[in-house]
Amino acid sequence: MVDMEGISGILRKSQVMGNEAHYQEGRRYLTADANACIEGCFAGGATKVVVRDAHCTGYNFIWDQLDPRAEYVQGMPPIERISDIDSFDGVILLGYHAMAGTGGA
């Protein structure tokens, strides 16, 4: 599960909003962090990696730069972000952050 606000190099609102000046830069950072995480999963012995784009509309990755060994889920989830999450051995929440305005977050 990958969110955008907590990704390496994200430091301004314009990097995470689709119609803003630095969004493409943010997409590159998001894709690079996802690839690094995928690499670590496979290096650690994973045999299958499923990556869910959990930021906003769920269409933020740069497709031609993604690690082809993983499977990808994009788009808005109907109710659950990954419906069969209980079937996975582990979950990584990459780039996740506290809700805006959460004190002490």
PDB file of N, CA and C in Angstrom:
ATOM      1  N   MET A   1       0.860  -1.159   0.000  1.00  0.00           N
ATOM      2  CA  MET A   1       0.000   0.000   0.000  1.00  0.00           C
ATOM      3  C   MET A   1       0.908   1.224   0.000  1.00  0.00           C
ATOM      4  N   VAL A   2       0.743   2.079  -0.993  1.00  0.00           N
ATOM      5  CA  VAL A   2       1.620   3.238  -1.136  1.00  0.00           C
ATOM      6  C   VAL A   2       0.792   4.524  -1.168  1.00  0.00           C
ATOM      7  N   ASP A   3       1.113   5.431  -0.245  1.00  0.00           N
ATOM      8  CA  ASP A   3       0.515   6.750  -0.266  1.00  0.00           C
ATOM      9  C   ASP A   3       1.610   7.729  -0.672  1.00  0.00           C
ATOM     10  N   MET A   4       1.244   8.928  -1.015  1.00  0.00           N
ATOM     11  CA  MET A   4       2.215   9.835  -1.620  1.00  0.00           C
ATOM     12  C   MET A   4       2.833  10.837  -0.649  1.00  0.00           C
ATOM     13  N   GLU A   5       2.083  11.324   0.318  1.00  0.00           N
ATOM     14  CA  GLU A   5       2.578  12.411   1.152  1.00  0.00           C
ATOM     15  C   GLU A   5       3.822  12.044   1.964  1.00  0.00           C
ATOM     16  N   GLY A   6       3.998  10.790   2.311  1.00  0.00           N
ATOM     17  CA  GLY A   6       5.143  10.386   3.116  1.00  0.00           C
ATOM     18  C   GLY A   6       6.318   9.848   2.317  1.00  0.00           C
ATOM     19  N   ILE A   7       6.299   9.992   1.020  1.00  0.00           N
ATOM     20  CA  ILE A   7       7.340   9.462   0.142  1.00  0.00           C
ATOM     21  C   ILE A   7       8.612  10.316   0.233  1.00  0.00           C
ATOM     22  N   SER A   8       9.766   9.693   0.049  1.00  0.00           N
ATOM     23  CA  SER A   8      11.051  10.397   0.055  1.00  0.00           C
ATOM     24  C   SER A   8      11.036  11.546  -0.946  1.00  0.00           C
ATOM     25  N   GLY A   9      11.409  12.735  -0.511  1.00  0.00           N
ATOM     26  CA  GLY A   9      11.492  13.888  -1.390  1.00  0.00           C
ATOM     27  C   GLY A   9      10.226  14.708  -1.495  1.00  0.00           C
ATOM     28  N   ILE A  10       9.116  14.206  -0.966  1.00  0.00           N
ATOM     29  CA  ILE A  10       7.873  14.981  -0.997  1.00  0.00           C
ATOM     30  C   ILE A  10       7.933  15.990   0.138  1.00  0.00           C
ATOM     31  N   LEU A  11       7.864  17.266  -0.212  1.00  0.00           N
ATOM     32  CA  LEU A  11       7.962  18.293   0.823  1.00  0.00           C
ATOM     33  C   LEU A  11       7.017  19.463   0.607  1.00  0.00           C
ATOM     34  N   ARG A  12       6.236  19.402  -0.454  1.00  0.00           N
ATOM     35  CA  ARG A  12       5.275  20.486  -0.686  1.00  0.00           C
ATOM     36  C   ARG A  12       3.985  19.945  -1.291  1.00  0.00           C
ATOM     37  N   LYS A  13       2.931  20.636  -1.021  1.00  0.00           N
ATOM     38  CA  LYS A  13       1.595  20.241  -1.476  1.00  0.00           C
ATOM     39  C   LYS A  13       1.529  20.086  -2.995  1.00  0.00           C
ATOM     40  N   SER A  14       2.247  20.923  -3.723  1.00  0.00           N
ATOM     41  CA  SER A  14       2.183  20.887  -5.190  1.00  0.00           C
ATOM     42  C   SER A  14       2.771  19.609  -5.786  1.00  0.00           C
ATOM     43  N   GLN A  15       3.463  18.796  -4.984  1.00  0.00           N
ATOM     44  CA  GLN A  15       4.009  17.535  -5.468  1.00  0.00           C
ATOM     45  C   GLN A  15       2.991  16.394  -5.415  1.00  0.00           C
ATOM     46  N   VAL A  16       1.904  16.583  -4.695  1.00  0.00           N
ATOM     47  CA  VAL A  16       0.947  15.483  -4.508  1.00  0.00           C
ATOM     48  C   VAL A  16      -0.435  15.759  -5.095  1.00  0.00           C
ATOM     49  N   MET A  17      -0.582  16.884  -5.746  1.00  0.00           N
ATOM     50  CA  MET A  17      -1.870  17.243  -6.331  1.00  0.00           C
ATOM     51  C   MET A  17      -1.757  17.272  -7.855  1.00  0.00           C
ATOM     52  N   GLY A  18      -2.612  16.506  -8.510  1.00  0.00           N
ATOM     53  CA  GLY A  18      -2.535  16.275  -9.943  1.00  0.00           C
ATOM     54  C   GLY A  18      -2.479  17.485 -10.843  1.00  0.00           C
ATOM     55  N   ASN A  19      -3.045  18.579 -10.449  1.00  0.00           N
ATOM     56  CA  ASN A  19      -3.057  19.756 -11.313  1.00  0.00           C
ATOM     57  C   ASN A  19      -2.032  20.805 -10.899  1.00  0.00           C
ATOM     58  N   GLU A  20      -1.089  20.444 -10.071  1.00  0.00           N
ATOM     59  CA  GLU A  20      -0.103  21.402  -9.562  1.00  0.00           C
ATOM     60  C   GLU A  20       1.240  21.274 -10.291  1.00  0.00           C
ATOM     61  N   ALA A  21       2.059  22.296 -10.139  1.00  0.00           N
ATOM     62  CA  ALA A  21       3.318  22.431 -10.878  1.00  0.00           C
ATOM     63  C   ALA A  21       4.325  21.315 -10.639  1.00  0.00           C
ATOM     64  N   HIS A  22       4.379  20.766  -9.436  1.00  0.00           N
ATOM     65  CA  HIS A  22       5.426  19.778  -9.114  1.00  0.00           C
ATOM     66  C   HIS A  22       4.902  18.344  -9.025  1.00  0.00           C
ATOM     67  N   TYR A  23       3.704  18.090  -9.533  1.00  0.00           N
ATOM     68  CA  TYR A  23       3.090  16.762  -9.437  1.00  0.00           C
ATOM     69  C   TYR A  23       3.909  15.685 -10.162  1.00  0.00           C
ATOM     70  N   GLN A  24       4.418  15.995 -11.348  1.00  0.00           N
ATOM     71  CA  GLN A  24       5.201  14.990 -12.085  1.00  0.00           C
ATOM     72  C   GLN A  24       6.459  14.603 -11.308  1.00  0.00           C
ATOM     73  N   GLU A  25       7.060  15.554 -10.644  1.00  0.00           N
ATOM     74  CA  GLU A  25       8.202  15.281  -9.770  1.00  0.00           C
ATOM     75  C   GLU A  25       7.776  14.330  -8.656  1.00  0.00           C
ATOM     76  N   GLY A  26       6.637  14.599  -8.037  1.00  0.00           N
ATOM     77  CA  GLY A  26       6.118  13.734  -6.988  1.00  0.00           C
ATOM     78  C   GLY A  26       5.854  12.321  -7.487  1.00  0.00           C
ATOM     79  N   ARG A  27       5.330  12.198  -8.680  1.00  0.00           N
ATOM     80  CA  ARG A  27       5.080  10.871  -9.281  1.00  0.00           C
ATOM     81  C   ARG A  27       6.387  10.097  -9.446  1.00  0.00           C
ATOM     82  N   ARG A  28       7.451  10.790  -9.861  1.00  0.00           N
ATOM     83  CA  ARG A  28       8.752  10.125 -10.007  1.00  0.00           C
ATOM     84  C   ARG A  28       9.251   9.612  -8.659  1.00  0.00           C
ATOM     85  N   TYR A  29       9.113  10.439  -7.623  1.00  0.00           N
ATOM     86  CA  TYR A  29       9.531  10.012  -6.284  1.00  0.00           C
ATOM     87  C   TYR A  29       8.696   8.823  -5.798  1.00  0.00           C
ATOM     88  N   LEU A  30       7.401   8.890  -6.018  1.00  0.00           N
ATOM     89  CA  LEU A  30       6.498   7.807  -5.622  1.00  0.00           C
ATOM     90  C   LEU A  30       6.893   6.500  -6.300  1.00  0.00           C
ATOM     91  N   THR A  31       7.120   6.557  -7.588  1.00  0.00           N
ATOM     92  CA  THR A  31       7.485   5.371  -8.362  1.00  0.00           C
ATOM     93  C   THR A  31       8.836   4.823  -7.910  1.00  0.00           C
ATOM     94  N   ALA A  32       9.796   5.704  -7.649  1.00  0.00           N
ATOM     95  CA  ALA A  32      11.126   5.262  -7.205  1.00  0.00           C
ATOM     96  C   ALA A  32      11.057   4.597  -5.832  1.00  0.00           C
ATOM     97  N   ASP A  33      10.302   5.168  -4.893  1.00  0.00           N
ATOM     98  CA  ASP A  33      10.178   4.549  -3.571  1.00  0.00           C
ATOM     99  C   ASP A  33       9.460   3.211  -3.652  1.00  0.00           C
ATOM    100  N   ALA A  34       8.431   3.125  -4.481  1.00  0.00           N
ATOM    101  CA  ALA A  34       7.727   1.851  -4.652  1.00  0.00           C
ATOM    102  C   ALA A  34       8.687   0.802  -5.209  1.00  0.00           C
ATOM    103  N   ASN A  35       9.482   1.170  -6.196  1.00  0.00           N
ATOM    104  CA  ASN A  35      10.449   0.222  -6.767  1.00  0.00           C
ATOM    105  C   ASN A  35      11.484  -0.218  -5.743  1.00  0.00           C
ATOM    106  N   ALA A  36      11.953   0.700  -4.907  1.00  0.00           N
ATOM    107  CA  ALA A  36      12.927   0.341  -3.871  1.00  0.00           C
ATOM    108  C   ALA A  36      12.311  -0.647  -2.882  1.00  0.00           C
ATOM    109  N   CYS A  37      11.068  -0.423  -2.525  1.00  0.00           N
ATOM    110  CA  CYS A  37      10.376  -1.324  -1.601  1.00  0.00           C
ATOM    111  C   CYS A  37      10.175  -2.705  -2.237  1.00  0.00           C
ATOM    112  N   ILE A  38       9.800  -2.715  -3.497  1.00  0.00           N
ATOM    113  CA  ILE A  38       9.622  -3.980  -4.225  1.00  0.00           C
ATOM    114  C   ILE A  38      10.936  -4.738  -4.266  1.00  0.00           C
ATOM    115  N   GLU A  39      12.005  -4.048  -4.585  1.00  0.00           N
ATOM    116  CA  GLU A  39      13.336  -4.668  -4.618  1.00  0.00           C
ATOM    117  C   GLU A  39      13.668  -5.291  -3.267  1.00  0.00           C
ATOM    118  N   GLY A  40      13.406  -4.558  -2.190  1.00  0.00           N
ATOM    119  CA  GLY A  40      13.667  -5.079  -0.854  1.00  0.00           C
ATOM    120  C   GLY A  40      12.828  -6.296  -0.523  1.00  0.00           C
ATOM    121  N   CYS A  41      11.583  -6.286  -0.954  1.00  0.00           N
ATOM    122  CA  CYS A  41      10.708  -7.446  -0.709  1.00  0.00           C
ATOM    123  C   CYS A  41      11.249  -8.691  -1.392  1.00  0.00           C
ATOM    124  N   PHE A  42      11.608  -8.564  -2.666  1.00  0.00           N
ATOM    125  CA  PHE A  42      12.133  -9.731  -3.379  1.00  0.00           C
ATOM    126  C   PHE A  42      13.498 -10.151  -2.839  1.00  0.00           C
ATOM    127  N   ALA A  43      14.336  -9.188  -2.483  1.00  0.00           N
ATOM    128  CA  ALA A  43      15.642  -9.516  -1.899  1.00  0.00           C
ATOM    129  C   ALA A  43      15.476 -10.245  -0.570  1.00  0.00           C
ATOM    130  N   GLY A  44      14.389  -9.949   0.131  1.00  0.00           N
ATOM    131  CA  GLY A  44      14.111 -10.586   1.415  1.00  0.00           C
ATOM    132  C   GLY A  44      13.398 -11.922   1.299  1.00  0.00           C
ATOM    133  N   GLY A  45      13.122 -12.364   0.076  1.00  0.00           N
ATOM    134  CA  GLY A  45      12.541 -13.690  -0.113  1.00  0.00           C
ATOM    135  C   GLY A  45      11.092 -13.729  -0.570  1.00  0.00           C
ATOM    136  N   ALA A  46      10.489 -12.588  -0.801  1.00  0.00           N
ATOM    137  CA  ALA A  46       9.101 -12.589  -1.279  1.00  0.00           C
ATOM    138  C   ALA A  46       9.027 -13.271  -2.640  1.00  0.00           C
ATOM    139  N   THR A  47       7.946 -13.985  -2.867  1.00  0.00           N
ATOM    140  CA  THR A  47       7.733 -14.624  -4.167  1.00  0.00           C
ATOM    141  C   THR A  47       6.641 -13.916  -4.965  1.00  0.00           C
ATOM    142  N   LYS A  48       5.868 -13.068  -4.295  1.00  0.00           N
ATOM    143  CA  LYS A  48       4.817 -12.291  -4.950  1.00  0.00           C
ATOM    144  C   LYS A  48       4.680 -10.969  -4.208  1.00  0.00           C
ATOM    145  N   VAL A  49       4.612  -9.873  -4.971  1.00  0.00           N
ATOM    146  CA  VAL A  49       4.436  -8.545  -4.392  1.00  0.00           C
ATOM    147  C   VAL A  49       3.294  -7.862  -5.152  1.00  0.00           C
ATOM    148  N   VAL A  50       2.308  -7.398  -4.406  1.00  0.00           N
ATOM    149  CA  VAL A  50       1.181  -6.660  -4.970  1.00  0.00           C
ATOM    150  C   VAL A  50       1.240  -5.242  -4.410  1.00  0.00           C
ATOM    151  N   VAL A  51       1.208  -4.260  -5.293  1.00  0.00           N
ATOM    152  CA  VAL A  51       1.341  -2.864  -4.885  1.00  0.00           C
ATOM    153  C   VAL A  51       0.038  -2.132  -5.188  1.00  0.00           C
ATOM    154  N   ARG A  52      -0.509  -1.477  -4.175  1.00  0.00           N
ATOM    155  CA  ARG A  52      -1.752  -0.715  -4.310  1.00  0.00           C
ATOM    156  C   ARG A  52      -1.441   0.763  -4.235  1.00  0.00           C
ATOM    157  N   ASP A  53      -1.766   1.521  -5.290  1.00  0.00           N
ATOM    158  CA  ASP A  53      -1.630   2.972  -5.288  1.00  0.00           C
ATOM    159  C   ASP A  53      -2.799   3.517  -4.463  1.00  0.00           C
ATOM    160  N   ALA A  54      -2.515   3.976  -3.247  1.00  0.00           N
ATOM    161  CA  ALA A  54      -3.563   4.396  -2.314  1.00  0.00           C
ATOM    162  C   ALA A  54      -3.654   5.913  -2.181  1.00  0.00           C
ATOM    163  N   HIS A  55      -3.022   6.651  -3.084  1.00  0.00           N
ATOM    164  CA  HIS A  55      -3.090   8.110  -3.010  1.00  0.00           C
ATOM    165  C   HIS A  55      -4.200   8.651  -3.909  1.00  0.00           C
ATOM    166  N   CYS A  56      -5.111   9.397  -3.315  1.00  0.00           N
ATOM    167  CA  CYS A  56      -6.159  10.123  -4.025  1.00  0.00           C
ATOM    168  C   CYS A  56      -6.935   9.219  -4.983  1.00  0.00           C
ATOM    169  N   THR A  57      -6.818   9.425  -6.284  1.00  0.00           N
ATOM    170  CA  THR A  57      -7.580   8.644  -7.264  1.00  0.00           C
ATOM    171  C   THR A  57      -6.980   7.266  -7.514  1.00  0.00           C
ATOM    172  N   GLY A  58      -5.746   7.053  -7.064  1.00  0.00           N
ATOM    173  CA  GLY A  58      -5.094   5.762  -7.266  1.00  0.00           C
ATOM    174  C   GLY A  58      -4.442   5.598  -8.628  1.00  0.00           C
ATOM    175  N   TYR A  59      -4.172   6.702  -9.323  1.00  0.00           N
ATOM    176  CA  TYR A  59      -3.499   6.663 -10.630  1.00  0.00           C
ATOM    177  C   TYR A  59      -2.302   7.597 -10.617  1.00  0.00           C
ATOM    178  N   ASN A  60      -1.282   7.255  -9.850  1.00  0.00           N
ATOM    179  CA  ASN A  60      -0.150   8.161  -9.667  1.00  0.00           C
ATOM    180  C   ASN A  60       1.191   7.604 -10.114  1.00  0.00           C
ATOM    181  N   PHE A  61       1.309   6.300 -10.277  1.00  0.00           N
ATOM    182  CA  PHE A  61       2.583   5.711 -10.693  1.00  0.00           C
ATOM    183  C   PHE A  61       2.921   6.092 -12.132  1.00  0.00           C
ATOM    184  N   ILE A  62       4.200   6.060 -12.439  1.00  0.00           N
ATOM    185  CA  ILE A  62       4.657   6.200 -13.821  1.00  0.00           C
ATOM    186  C   ILE A  62       4.862   4.771 -14.325  1.00  0.00           C
ATOM    187  N   TRP A  63       3.926   4.296 -15.117  1.00  0.00           N
ATOM    188  CA  TRP A  63       3.847   2.885 -15.489  1.00  0.00           C
ATOM    189  C   TRP A  63       5.110   2.337 -16.127  1.00  0.00           C
ATOM    190  N   ASP A  64       5.728   3.060 -17.041  1.00  0.00           N
ATOM    191  CA  ASP A  64       6.885   2.490 -17.744  1.00  0.00           C
ATOM    192  C   ASP A  64       8.146   2.488 -16.890  1.00  0.00           C
ATOM    193  N   GLN A  65       8.048   2.979 -15.662  1.00  0.00           N
ATOM    194  CA  GLN A  65       9.199   2.960 -14.758  1.00  0.00           C
ATOM    195  C   GLN A  65       9.009   1.986 -13.588  1.00  0.00           C
ATOM    196  N   LEU A  66       7.884   1.303 -13.535  1.00  0.00           N
ATOM    197  CA  LEU A  66       7.608   0.381 -12.433  1.00  0.00           C
ATOM    198  C   LEU A  66       8.325  -0.954 -12.609  1.00  0.00           C
ATOM    199  N   ASP A  67       8.736  -1.536 -11.496  1.00  0.00           N
ATOM    200  CA  ASP A  67       9.366  -2.854 -11.486  1.00  0.00           C
ATOM    201  C   ASP A  67       8.362  -3.878 -12.032  1.00  0.00           C
ATOM    202  N   PRO A  68       8.699  -4.561 -13.118  1.00  0.00           N
ATOM    203  CA  PRO A  68       7.745  -5.480 -13.749  1.00  0.00           C
ATOM    204  C   PRO A  68       7.492  -6.764 -12.952  1.00  0.00           C
ATOM    205  N   ARG A  69       8.258  -7.012 -11.920  1.00  0.00           N
ATOM    206  CA  ARG A  69       8.054  -8.241 -11.135  1.00  0.00           C
ATOM    207  C   ARG A  69       6.825  -8.171 -10.241  1.00  0.00           C
ATOM    208  N   ALA A  70       6.372  -6.977  -9.925  1.00  0.00           N
ATOM    209  CA  ALA A  70       5.231  -6.818  -9.018  1.00  0.00           C
ATOM    210  C   ALA A  70       3.927  -6.742  -9.808  1.00  0.00           C
ATOM    211  N   GLU A  71       2.829  -6.950  -9.089  1.00  0.00           N
ATOM    212  CA  GLU A  71       1.492  -6.735  -9.636  1.00  0.00           C
ATOM    213  C   GLU A  71       1.002  -5.405  -9.071  1.00  0.00           C
ATOM    214  N   TYR A  72       0.192  -4.679  -9.838  1.00  0.00           N
ATOM    215  CA  TYR A  72      -0.233  -3.349  -9.431  1.00  0.00           C
ATOM    216  C   TYR A  72      -1.750  -3.226  -9.431  1.00  0.00           C
ATOM    217  N   VAL A  73      -2.263  -2.529  -8.425  1.00  0.00           N
ATOM    218  CA  VAL A  73      -3.680  -2.229  -8.314  1.00  0.00           C
ATOM    219  C   VAL A  73      -3.807  -0.716  -8.291  1.00  0.00           C
ATOM    220  N   GLN A  74      -4.578  -0.196  -9.233  1.00  0.00           N
ATOM    221  CA  GLN A  74      -4.772   1.249  -9.287  1.00  0.00           C
ATOM    222  C   GLN A  74      -6.258   1.569  -9.333  1.00  0.00           C
ATOM    223  N   GLY A  75      -6.586   2.825  -9.123  1.00  0.00           N
ATOM    224  CA  GLY A  75      -7.969   3.278  -9.150  1.00  0.00           C
ATOM    225  C   GLY A  75      -8.548   3.342  -7.751  1.00  0.00           C
ATOM    226  N   MET A  76      -9.697   3.963  -7.657  1.00  0.00           N
ATOM    227  CA  MET A  76     -10.378   4.118  -6.367  1.00  0.00           C
ATOM    228  C   MET A  76     -10.924   2.771  -5.903  1.00  0.00           C
ATOM    229  N   PRO A  77     -10.659   2.408  -4.657  1.00  0.00           N
ATOM    230  CA  PRO A  77     -11.205   1.144  -4.144  1.00  0.00           C
ATOM    231  C   PRO A  77     -12.706   1.274  -3.888  1.00  0.00           C
ATOM    232  N   PRO A  78     -13.458   0.210  -4.152  1.00  0.00           N
ATOM    233  CA  PRO A  78     -14.894   0.285  -3.899  1.00  0.00           C
ATOM    234  C   PRO A  78     -15.203   0.511  -2.417  1.00  0.00           C
ATOM    235  N   ILE A  79     -14.670  -0.321  -1.543  1.00  0.00           N
ATOM    236  CA  ILE A  79     -14.855  -0.173  -0.102  1.00  0.00           C
ATOM    237  C   ILE A  79     -13.521  -0.390   0.606  1.00  0.00           C
ATOM    238  N   GLU A  80     -12.871  -1.499   0.302  1.00  0.00           N
ATOM    239  CA  GLU A  80     -11.595  -1.847   0.930  1.00  0.00           C
ATOM    240  C   GLU A  80     -10.463  -1.588  -0.052  1.00  0.00           C
ATOM    241  N   ARG A  81      -9.341  -1.147   0.452  1.00  0.00           N
ATOM    242  CA  ARG A  81      -8.202  -0.857  -0.434  1.00  0.00           C
ATOM    243  C   ARG A  81      -7.641  -2.127  -1.065  1.00  0.00           C
ATOM    244  N   ILE A  82      -7.588  -3.213  -0.319  1.00  0.00           N
ATOM    245  CA  ILE A  82      -7.243  -4.528  -0.868  1.00  0.00           C
ATOM    246  C   ILE A  82      -8.237  -5.504  -0.250  1.00  0.00           C
ATOM    247  N   SER A  83      -9.140  -6.005  -1.067  1.00  0.00           N
ATOM    248  CA  SER A  83     -10.252  -6.795  -0.546  1.00  0.00           C
ATOM    249  C   SER A  83      -9.828  -8.126   0.079  1.00  0.00           C
ATOM    250  N   ASP A  84      -8.777  -8.729  -0.409  1.00  0.00           N
ATOM    251  CA  ASP A  84      -8.348 -10.029   0.124  1.00  0.00           C
ATOM    252  C   ASP A  84      -7.082  -9.907   0.976  1.00  0.00           C
ATOM    253  N   ILE A  85      -6.984  -8.845   1.745  1.00  0.00           N
ATOM    254  CA  ILE A  85      -5.771  -8.551   2.510  1.00  0.00           C
ATOM    255  C   ILE A  85      -5.396  -9.682   3.474  1.00  0.00           C
ATOM    256  N   ASP A  86      -6.377 -10.429   3.950  1.00  0.00           N
ATOM    257  CA  ASP A  86      -6.094 -11.538   4.864  1.00  0.00           C
ATOM    258  C   ASP A  86      -5.301 -12.661   4.207  1.00  0.00           C
ATOM    259  N   SER A  87      -5.241 -12.683   2.885  1.00  0.00           N
ATOM    260  CA  SER A  87      -4.511 -13.737   2.187  1.00  0.00           C
ATOM    261  C   SER A  87      -3.015 -13.435   2.070  1.00  0.00           C
ATOM    262  N   PHE A  88      -2.598 -12.225   2.465  1.00  0.00           N
ATOM    263  CA  PHE A  88      -1.192 -11.842   2.353  1.00  0.00           C
ATOM    264  C   PHE A  88      -0.437 -12.186   3.636  1.00  0.00           C
ATOM    265  N   ASP A  89       0.855 -12.466   3.487  1.00  0.00           N
ATOM    266  CA  ASP A  89       1.704 -12.755   4.647  1.00  0.00           C
ATOM    267  C   ASP A  89       2.132 -11.491   5.383  1.00  0.00           C
ATOM    268  N   GLY A  90       2.123 -10.373   4.690  1.00  0.00           N
ATOM    269  CA  GLY A  90       2.538  -9.123   5.313  1.00  0.00           C
ATOM    270  C   GLY A  90       2.026  -7.943   4.530  1.00  0.00           C
ATOM    271  N   VAL A  91       2.026  -6.781   5.171  1.00  0.00           N
ATOM    272  CA  VAL A  91       1.586  -5.541   4.539  1.00  0.00           C
ATOM    273  C   VAL A  91       2.593  -4.449   4.885  1.00  0.00           C
ATOM    274  N   ILE A  92       2.985  -3.693   3.883  1.00  0.00           N
ATOM    275  CA  ILE A  92       3.858  -2.536   4.087  1.00  0.00           C
ATOM    276  C   ILE A  92       3.044  -1.295   3.747  1.00  0.00           C
ATOM    277  N   LEU A  93       3.027  -0.334   4.651  1.00  0.00           N
ATOM    278  CA  LEU A  93       2.331   0.932   4.429  1.00  0.00           C
ATOM    279  C   LEU A  93       3.386   1.979   4.091  1.00  0.00           C
ATOM    280  N   LEU A  94       3.730   2.080   2.836  1.00  0.00           N
ATOM    281  CA  LEU A  94       4.808   2.948   2.362  1.00  0.00           C
ATOM    282  C   LEU A  94       4.286   4.359   2.098  1.00  0.00           C
ATOM    283  N   GLY A  95       4.892   5.338   2.721  1.00  0.00           N
ATOM    284  CA  GLY A  95       4.512   6.723   2.487  1.00  0.00           C
ATOM    285  C   GLY A  95       3.265   7.158   3.223  1.00  0.00           C
ATOM    286  N   TYR A  96       2.759   6.316   4.110  1.00  0.00           N
ATOM    287  CA  TYR A  96       1.538   6.674   4.838  1.00  0.00           C
ATOM    288  C   TYR A  96       1.819   7.789   5.841  1.00  0.00           C
ATOM    289  N   HIS A  97       0.777   8.504   6.216  1.00  0.00           N
ATOM    290  CA  HIS A  97       0.903   9.667   7.080  1.00  0.00           C
ATOM    291  C   HIS A  97      -0.351   9.804   7.919  1.00  0.00           C
ATOM    292  N   ALA A  98      -0.241  10.584   8.962  1.00  0.00           N
ATOM    293  CA  ALA A  98      -1.406  10.859   9.794  1.00  0.00           C
ATOM    294  C   ALA A  98      -2.350  11.800   9.042  1.00  0.00           C
ATOM    295  N   MET A  99      -3.619  11.765   9.408  1.00  0.00           N
ATOM    296  CA  MET A  99      -4.604  12.645   8.802  1.00  0.00           C
ATOM    297  C   MET A  99      -4.233  14.110   9.049  1.00  0.00           C
ATOM    298  N   ALA A 100      -4.455  14.945   8.064  1.00  0.00           N
ATOM    299  CA  ALA A 100      -4.166  16.368   8.202  1.00  0.00           C
ATOM    300  C   ALA A 100      -4.836  16.939   9.445  1.00  0.00           C
ATOM    301  N   GLY A 101      -4.092  17.724  10.184  1.00  0.00           N
ATOM    302  CA  GLY A 101      -4.624  18.368  11.369  1.00  0.00           C
ATOM    303  C   GLY A 101      -4.589  17.521  12.630  1.00  0.00           C
ATOM    304  N   THR A 102      -4.019  16.316  12.531  1.00  0.00           N
ATOM    305  CA  THR A 102      -3.943  15.441  13.703  1.00  0.00           C
ATOM    306  C   THR A 102      -2.831  15.943  14.634  1.00  0.00           C
ATOM    307  N   GLY A 103      -3.214  16.351  15.826  1.00  0.00           N
ATOM    308  CA  GLY A 103      -2.253  16.856  16.795  1.00  0.00           C
ATOM    309  C   GLY A 103      -1.219  15.810  17.187  1.00  0.00           C
ATOM    310  N   GLY A 104       0.063  16.183  17.195  1.00  0.00           N
ATOM    311  CA  GLY A 104       1.137  15.292  17.610  1.00  0.00           C
ATOM    312  C   GLY A 104       1.484  14.222  16.598  1.00  0.00           C
ATOM    313  N   ALA A 105       0.903  14.304  15.414  1.00  0.00           N
ATOM    314  CA  ALA A 105       1.153  13.259  14.415  1.00  0.00           C
ATOM    315  C   ALA A 105       2.533  13.347  13.912  1.00  0.00           C
TER     316      ALA A 105
END
